[in-house]
N, C-alpha and C. Protein backbone atom coordinates (compact mmCIF):
# COMPACT_ATOMS: atom_id res chain seq x y z
N MET A 1 -146.29 91.61 -102.87
CA MET A 1 -146.95 90.05 -103.11
C MET A 1 -146.50 89.76 -102.37
N GLY A 2 -146.80 88.32 -101.36
CA GLY A 2 -146.04 87.61 -100.37
C GLY A 2 -145.84 86.39 -100.57
N PRO A 3 -145.02 85.60 -99.88
CA PRO A 3 -145.09 83.99 -100.14
C PRO A 3 -146.91 83.77 -99.48
N GLY A 4 -147.57 82.50 -100.49
CA GLY A 4 -148.68 82.24 -100.26
C GLY A 4 -149.96 83.42 -100.40
N ASP A 5 -149.54 84.32 -101.03
CA ASP A 5 -150.36 85.78 -101.83
C ASP A 5 -150.75 85.16 -103.24
N PHE A 6 -151.47 84.61 -103.76
CA PHE A 6 -151.64 84.31 -104.78
C PHE A 6 -152.62 85.27 -106.06
N ASN A 7 -153.13 86.05 -105.20
CA ASN A 7 -154.09 86.94 -105.63
C ASN A 7 -153.64 88.44 -105.93
N GLY A 8 -152.48 88.72 -104.90
CA GLY A 8 -151.84 89.86 -104.83
C GLY A 8 -152.64 90.99 -103.79
N ASP A 9 -153.17 90.44 -103.09
CA ASP A 9 -153.90 91.73 -102.26
C ASP A 9 -153.26 91.51 -100.94
N GLY A 10 -152.09 91.02 -100.94
CA GLY A 10 -151.62 90.89 -99.65
C GLY A 10 -151.49 90.26 -98.47
N ARG A 11 -152.67 89.32 -98.73
CA ARG A 11 -152.97 88.31 -97.97
C ARG A 11 -152.54 87.10 -98.10
N VAL A 12 -152.59 86.00 -97.25
CA VAL A 12 -152.28 84.69 -97.25
C VAL A 12 -153.26 83.90 -98.15
N ASP A 13 -153.11 82.68 -99.00
CA ASP A 13 -154.02 82.44 -99.78
C ASP A 13 -153.78 81.11 -99.82
N VAL A 14 -154.50 80.00 -99.84
CA VAL A 14 -154.53 78.72 -100.12
C VAL A 14 -155.00 78.10 -101.65
N LEU A 15 -154.00 77.65 -102.21
CA LEU A 15 -154.29 76.62 -103.38
C LEU A 15 -154.66 75.30 -103.19
N ALA A 16 -155.75 74.61 -103.93
CA ALA A 16 -156.56 73.48 -103.82
C ALA A 16 -156.64 72.80 -105.01
N ARG A 17 -156.34 70.97 -105.00
CA ARG A 17 -156.86 70.50 -106.09
C ARG A 17 -157.65 69.75 -105.96
N ASP A 18 -158.62 69.39 -106.51
CA ASP A 18 -160.11 68.35 -106.16
C ASP A 18 -159.85 67.19 -106.81
N SER A 19 -160.11 66.31 -106.60
CA SER A 19 -160.25 64.92 -107.37
C SER A 19 -160.53 65.11 -108.73
N SER A 20 -161.42 66.00 -109.34
CA SER A 20 -161.68 66.29 -110.75
C SER A 20 -160.50 66.78 -111.41
N GLY A 21 -159.68 67.20 -110.60
CA GLY A 21 -158.55 68.28 -111.28
C GLY A 21 -158.64 69.66 -111.65
N SER A 22 -159.92 70.25 -110.78
CA SER A 22 -160.24 71.54 -110.66
C SER A 22 -159.07 71.96 -109.72
N LEU A 23 -158.35 73.14 -109.95
CA LEU A 23 -158.11 73.89 -109.27
C LEU A 23 -158.32 75.42 -108.17
N TRP A 24 -158.34 75.39 -107.15
CA TRP A 24 -158.90 76.26 -106.44
C TRP A 24 -158.42 77.31 -105.54
N LEU A 25 -158.59 78.53 -105.50
CA LEU A 25 -158.00 79.82 -104.64
C LEU A 25 -159.32 79.71 -103.60
N TYR A 26 -158.54 79.59 -102.44
CA TYR A 26 -159.09 80.16 -101.53
C TYR A 26 -158.33 81.22 -100.57
N PRO A 27 -159.00 82.82 -101.08
CA PRO A 27 -158.12 83.74 -100.50
C PRO A 27 -158.59 83.93 -98.96
N GLY A 28 -157.50 84.48 -98.24
CA GLY A 28 -157.58 85.06 -96.94
C GLY A 28 -158.48 86.08 -96.91
N ASN A 29 -158.95 86.03 -96.01
CA ASN A 29 -159.73 87.12 -95.42
C ASN A 29 -159.14 88.29 -94.74
N GLY A 30 -157.81 88.14 -94.01
CA GLY A 30 -156.73 88.87 -93.56
C GLY A 30 -157.32 89.04 -92.06
N ARG A 31 -158.06 87.86 -91.33
CA ARG A 31 -158.35 87.81 -90.16
C ARG A 31 -158.49 86.20 -89.45
N GLY A 32 -157.34 85.35 -90.47
CA GLY A 32 -157.65 83.98 -90.33
C GLY A 32 -158.61 83.33 -90.61
N GLY A 33 -159.27 83.96 -91.31
CA GLY A 33 -160.63 82.67 -92.32
C GLY A 33 -160.19 82.99 -93.65
N TRP A 34 -160.97 82.40 -94.12
CA TRP A 34 -161.18 82.34 -95.75
C TRP A 34 -162.51 82.69 -96.35
N LEU A 35 -161.97 83.70 -97.78
CA LEU A 35 -163.36 84.20 -98.46
C LEU A 35 -164.09 83.00 -99.18
N ALA A 36 -164.78 82.91 -100.00
CA ALA A 36 -165.58 82.13 -101.17
C ALA A 36 -164.23 81.63 -102.00
N ARG A 37 -163.99 80.32 -102.31
CA ARG A 37 -162.91 79.71 -103.01
C ARG A 37 -163.54 80.20 -104.37
N VAL A 38 -162.08 80.29 -105.67
CA VAL A 38 -162.48 80.83 -106.61
C VAL A 38 -162.00 79.89 -107.94
N ARG A 39 -162.45 79.16 -108.68
CA ARG A 39 -162.02 78.18 -109.61
C ARG A 39 -160.87 78.99 -110.47
N VAL A 40 -159.61 78.24 -110.53
CA VAL A 40 -158.52 78.49 -111.27
C VAL A 40 -158.63 78.27 -112.78
N GLY A 41 -158.85 77.17 -112.50
CA GLY A 41 -158.60 76.30 -113.80
C GLY A 41 -158.76 74.78 -113.83
N GLY A 42 -158.99 73.79 -114.61
CA GLY A 42 -158.78 72.79 -114.63
C GLY A 42 -157.83 71.96 -115.28
N GLY A 43 -157.65 70.31 -115.08
CA GLY A 43 -156.86 69.55 -116.03
C GLY A 43 -155.51 69.46 -115.21
N TRP A 44 -155.44 69.78 -113.66
CA TRP A 44 -154.68 69.27 -112.66
C TRP A 44 -154.47 68.13 -112.33
N ASN A 45 -155.29 67.28 -112.64
CA ASN A 45 -155.42 65.83 -111.97
C ASN A 45 -154.22 65.22 -112.19
N VAL A 46 -153.45 65.68 -112.93
CA VAL A 46 -151.92 64.81 -113.52
C VAL A 46 -151.34 65.28 -112.73
N MET A 47 -151.55 66.53 -111.94
CA MET A 47 -150.14 66.83 -110.48
C MET A 47 -150.66 66.23 -109.18
N THR A 48 -149.51 65.69 -109.07
CA THR A 48 -149.59 65.11 -107.84
C THR A 48 -149.20 65.58 -106.45
N ALA A 49 -148.49 67.12 -106.75
CA ALA A 49 -148.10 68.03 -105.88
C ALA A 49 -148.00 69.03 -106.31
N LEU A 50 -148.32 70.36 -105.44
CA LEU A 50 -147.90 71.72 -106.09
C LEU A 50 -147.06 71.95 -105.36
N VAL A 51 -146.13 72.71 -106.09
CA VAL A 51 -144.85 73.61 -105.17
C VAL A 51 -144.93 74.89 -105.80
């Protein structure tokens, strides 16, 4: 697992929070694109930055 690999598949992923506080995982497809997003959880609207 490397930096930015949040699901352990060896590819770079992105985490994003929407305005309702849902946290979404956008898994990388290994070819410079993204697979379908996956909701990770809710209640993240109190966060202003993810590190």
